[in-house]
């Protein structure tokens, strides 16, 4: 019984983590953009959080992006 609950919980956490992404989950803007466009085109969810300013560019502040209002990096 406990094993079944644990297995079910692990599956749900893994399943959810593959649906919802943050910019920190990607190394470059191009990687984020590719994932963003695939999700959006297929009608799946989880892509809106990558484009906070609504300009169609995911994770503008990652390397390779052209974000203008990026948070300053901590030293």
N, C-alpha and C. Protein backbone atom coordinates (compact mmCIF):
# COMPACT_ATOMS: atom_id res chain seq x y z
N UNK A 1 0.83 -1.19 0.00
CA UNK A 1 0.00 0.00 0.00
C UNK A 1 0.88 1.26 0.00
N UNK A 2 1.85 1.33 0.87
CA UNK A 2 2.72 2.49 0.92
C UNK A 2 3.52 2.60 -0.38
N UNK A 3 4.00 1.49 -0.89
CA UNK A 3 4.75 1.49 -2.15
C UNK A 3 3.89 2.03 -3.29
N UNK A 4 2.62 1.65 -3.34
CA UNK A 4 1.73 2.12 -4.40
C UNK A 4 1.55 3.63 -4.33
N UNK A 5 1.39 4.16 -3.13
CA UNK A 5 1.23 5.60 -2.96
C UNK A 5 2.50 6.33 -3.39
N UNK A 6 3.65 5.82 -2.96
CA UNK A 6 4.93 6.43 -3.30
C UNK A 6 5.15 6.42 -4.81
N UNK A 7 4.88 5.30 -5.45
CA UNK A 7 5.05 5.18 -6.89
C UNK A 7 4.13 6.15 -7.62
N UNK A 8 2.89 6.24 -7.16
CA UNK A 8 1.93 7.15 -7.78
C UNK A 8 2.41 8.59 -7.62
N UNK A 9 2.88 8.96 -6.45
CA UNK A 9 3.36 10.31 -6.19
C UNK A 9 4.57 10.63 -7.06
N UNK A 10 5.53 9.72 -7.15
CA UNK A 10 6.73 9.94 -7.97
C UNK A 10 6.35 10.15 -9.43
N UNK A 11 5.40 9.36 -9.92
CA UNK A 11 4.97 9.49 -11.31
C UNK A 11 4.35 10.87 -11.54
N UNK A 12 3.51 11.31 -10.63
CA UNK A 12 2.84 12.61 -10.79
C UNK A 12 3.84 13.75 -10.76
N UNK A 13 4.82 13.68 -9.87
CA UNK A 13 5.82 14.74 -9.80
C UNK A 13 6.63 14.77 -11.09
N UNK A 14 7.07 13.62 -11.58
CA UNK A 14 7.85 13.56 -12.83
C UNK A 14 7.00 14.04 -14.00
N UNK A 15 5.74 13.61 -14.07
CA UNK A 15 4.86 13.98 -15.16
C UNK A 15 4.66 15.49 -15.18
N UNK A 16 4.41 16.09 -14.03
CA UNK A 16 4.19 17.53 -13.95
C UNK A 16 5.45 18.30 -14.32
N UNK A 17 6.60 17.82 -13.88
CA UNK A 17 7.84 18.56 -14.15
C UNK A 17 8.15 18.59 -15.64
N UNK A 18 7.67 17.62 -16.39
CA UNK A 18 7.92 17.63 -17.83
C UNK A 18 6.97 18.58 -18.55
N UNK A 19 5.87 18.97 -17.91
CA UNK A 19 4.89 19.86 -18.54
C UNK A 19 5.20 21.32 -18.28
N UNK A 20 5.58 21.66 -17.09
CA UNK A 20 5.80 23.05 -16.69
C UNK A 20 7.29 23.32 -16.61
N UNK A 21 7.76 24.25 -17.37
CA UNK A 21 9.18 24.58 -17.38
C UNK A 21 9.38 26.03 -16.98
N UNK A 22 10.58 26.29 -16.49
CA UNK A 22 11.02 27.65 -16.17
C UNK A 22 12.24 27.92 -17.04
N UNK A 23 12.57 29.18 -17.18
CA UNK A 23 13.75 29.53 -17.97
C UNK A 23 15.01 28.89 -17.39
N UNK A 24 15.05 28.72 -16.09
CA UNK A 24 16.22 28.11 -15.45
C UNK A 24 16.42 26.66 -15.87
N UNK A 25 15.41 26.05 -16.48
CA UNK A 25 15.52 24.66 -16.95
C UNK A 25 16.27 24.55 -18.28
N UNK A 26 16.59 25.67 -18.89
CA UNK A 26 17.26 25.68 -20.19
C UNK A 26 18.61 26.39 -20.10
N UNK A 27 19.53 26.01 -20.96
CA UNK A 27 20.86 26.64 -20.99
C UNK A 27 20.90 27.85 -21.91
N UNK A 28 20.11 27.81 -22.99
CA UNK A 28 20.13 28.91 -23.96
C UNK A 28 18.71 29.31 -24.33
N UNK A 29 18.60 30.50 -24.90
CA UNK A 29 17.30 30.99 -25.36
C UNK A 29 16.79 30.11 -26.49
N UNK A 30 17.69 29.61 -27.33
CA UNK A 30 17.28 28.78 -28.46
C UNK A 30 16.64 27.47 -27.99
N UNK A 31 17.19 26.87 -26.94
CA UNK A 31 16.59 25.64 -26.40
C UNK A 31 15.19 25.93 -25.87
N UNK A 32 15.07 27.02 -25.13
CA UNK A 32 13.77 27.40 -24.57
C UNK A 32 12.77 27.71 -25.68
N UNK A 33 13.22 28.40 -26.72
CA UNK A 33 12.34 28.77 -27.82
C UNK A 33 11.82 27.54 -28.54
N UNK A 34 12.68 26.57 -28.75
CA UNK A 34 12.27 25.35 -29.43
C UNK A 34 11.19 24.62 -28.63
N UNK A 35 11.39 24.48 -27.33
CA UNK A 35 10.42 23.80 -26.46
C UNK A 35 9.11 24.59 -26.43
N UNK A 36 9.23 25.91 -26.32
CA UNK A 36 8.08 26.82 -26.30
C UNK A 36 7.22 26.65 -27.55
N UNK A 37 7.87 26.69 -28.71
CA UNK A 37 7.13 26.58 -29.97
C UNK A 37 6.50 25.21 -30.17
N UNK A 38 7.20 24.16 -29.76
CA UNK A 38 6.63 22.81 -29.88
C UNK A 38 5.38 22.67 -29.02
N UNK A 39 5.45 23.14 -27.78
CA UNK A 39 4.30 23.04 -26.88
C UNK A 39 3.14 23.89 -27.38
N UNK A 40 3.43 25.10 -27.80
CA UNK A 40 2.38 26.01 -28.25
C UNK A 40 1.69 25.47 -29.50
N UNK A 41 2.48 25.01 -30.47
CA UNK A 41 1.94 24.51 -31.73
C UNK A 41 1.06 23.27 -31.52
N UNK A 42 1.45 22.42 -30.58
CA UNK A 42 0.71 21.18 -30.36
C UNK A 42 -0.52 21.38 -29.48
N UNK A 43 -0.72 22.60 -28.96
CA UNK A 43 -1.88 22.87 -28.13
C UNK A 43 -1.72 22.43 -26.69
N UNK A 44 -0.50 22.07 -26.31
CA UNK A 44 -0.26 21.65 -24.93
C UNK A 44 -0.05 22.86 -24.04
N UNK A 45 -0.04 22.62 -22.74
CA UNK A 45 0.13 23.70 -21.78
C UNK A 45 1.57 23.78 -21.31
N UNK A 46 1.87 24.82 -20.53
CA UNK A 46 3.17 24.95 -19.91
C UNK A 46 4.11 25.90 -20.60
N UNK A 47 3.72 26.46 -21.73
CA UNK A 47 4.62 27.31 -22.50
C UNK A 47 4.52 28.78 -22.14
N UNK A 48 3.39 29.21 -21.62
CA UNK A 48 3.19 30.64 -21.34
C UNK A 48 4.16 31.20 -20.31
N UNK A 49 4.59 30.38 -19.37
CA UNK A 49 5.49 30.88 -18.33
C UNK A 49 6.86 31.26 -18.87
N UNK A 50 7.19 30.84 -20.07
CA UNK A 50 8.49 31.16 -20.66
C UNK A 50 8.51 32.49 -21.40
N UNK A 51 7.34 33.08 -21.62
CA UNK A 51 7.24 34.34 -22.36
C UNK A 51 6.46 35.35 -21.53
N UNK A 52 7.09 35.89 -20.53
CA UNK A 52 6.39 36.78 -19.59
C UNK A 52 5.97 38.11 -20.20
N UNK A 53 6.70 38.61 -21.19
CA UNK A 53 6.33 39.89 -21.78
C UNK A 53 5.42 39.75 -23.00
N UNK A 54 5.14 38.50 -23.40
CA UNK A 54 4.18 38.25 -24.47
C UNK A 54 4.65 38.63 -25.86
N UNK A 55 5.97 38.68 -26.07
CA UNK A 55 6.48 39.07 -27.39
C UNK A 55 6.76 37.89 -28.31
N UNK A 56 6.45 36.67 -27.84
CA UNK A 56 6.66 35.49 -28.66
C UNK A 56 8.05 34.90 -28.54
N UNK A 57 8.91 35.52 -27.75
CA UNK A 57 10.27 35.05 -27.54
C UNK A 57 10.39 34.48 -26.13
N UNK A 58 10.71 33.22 -26.05
CA UNK A 58 10.84 32.55 -24.75
C UNK A 58 12.18 32.89 -24.11
N UNK A 59 12.16 33.16 -22.84
CA UNK A 59 13.38 33.32 -22.03
C UNK A 59 14.40 34.26 -22.67
N UNK A 60 13.96 35.46 -22.95
CA UNK A 60 14.79 36.47 -23.62
C UNK A 60 16.14 36.71 -22.93
N UNK A 61 16.20 36.50 -21.63
CA UNK A 61 17.40 36.85 -20.86
C UNK A 61 18.44 35.74 -20.80
N UNK A 62 18.14 34.60 -21.35
CA UNK A 62 19.13 33.53 -21.38
C UNK A 62 20.18 33.84 -22.45
N UNK A 63 21.36 33.21 -22.38
CA UNK A 63 22.37 33.41 -23.42
C UNK A 63 21.79 33.16 -24.81
N UNK A 64 22.04 34.10 -25.71
CA UNK A 64 21.51 34.00 -27.06
C UNK A 64 20.24 34.79 -27.25
N UNK A 65 19.64 35.27 -26.17
CA UNK A 65 18.41 36.04 -26.25
C UNK A 65 18.71 37.53 -26.35
N UNK A 66 17.68 38.32 -26.59
CA UNK A 66 17.85 39.76 -26.76
C UNK A 66 16.96 40.52 -25.78
N UNK A 67 16.88 40.03 -24.54
CA UNK A 67 16.04 40.67 -23.54
C UNK A 67 16.56 42.05 -23.17
N UNK A 68 15.62 42.98 -22.99
CA UNK A 68 15.99 44.35 -22.64
C UNK A 68 15.76 44.64 -21.16
N UNK A 69 14.88 43.91 -20.54
CA UNK A 69 14.57 44.14 -19.12
C UNK A 69 14.99 42.94 -18.27
N UNK A 70 16.19 42.49 -18.46
CA UNK A 70 16.69 41.32 -17.74
C UNK A 70 17.16 41.73 -16.34
N UNK A 71 16.93 40.85 -15.37
CA UNK A 71 17.45 41.14 -14.03
C UNK A 71 18.96 41.14 -14.05
N UNK A 72 19.55 41.98 -13.24
CA UNK A 72 21.01 42.04 -13.17
C UNK A 72 21.54 40.80 -12.48
N UNK A 73 22.67 40.30 -12.97
CA UNK A 73 23.27 39.12 -12.40
C UNK A 73 23.92 39.46 -11.07
N UNK A 74 23.77 38.55 -10.12
CA UNK A 74 24.40 38.74 -8.82
C UNK A 74 25.88 38.41 -8.93
N UNK A 75 26.68 39.19 -8.24
CA UNK A 75 28.13 38.98 -8.29
C UNK A 75 28.57 38.02 -7.21
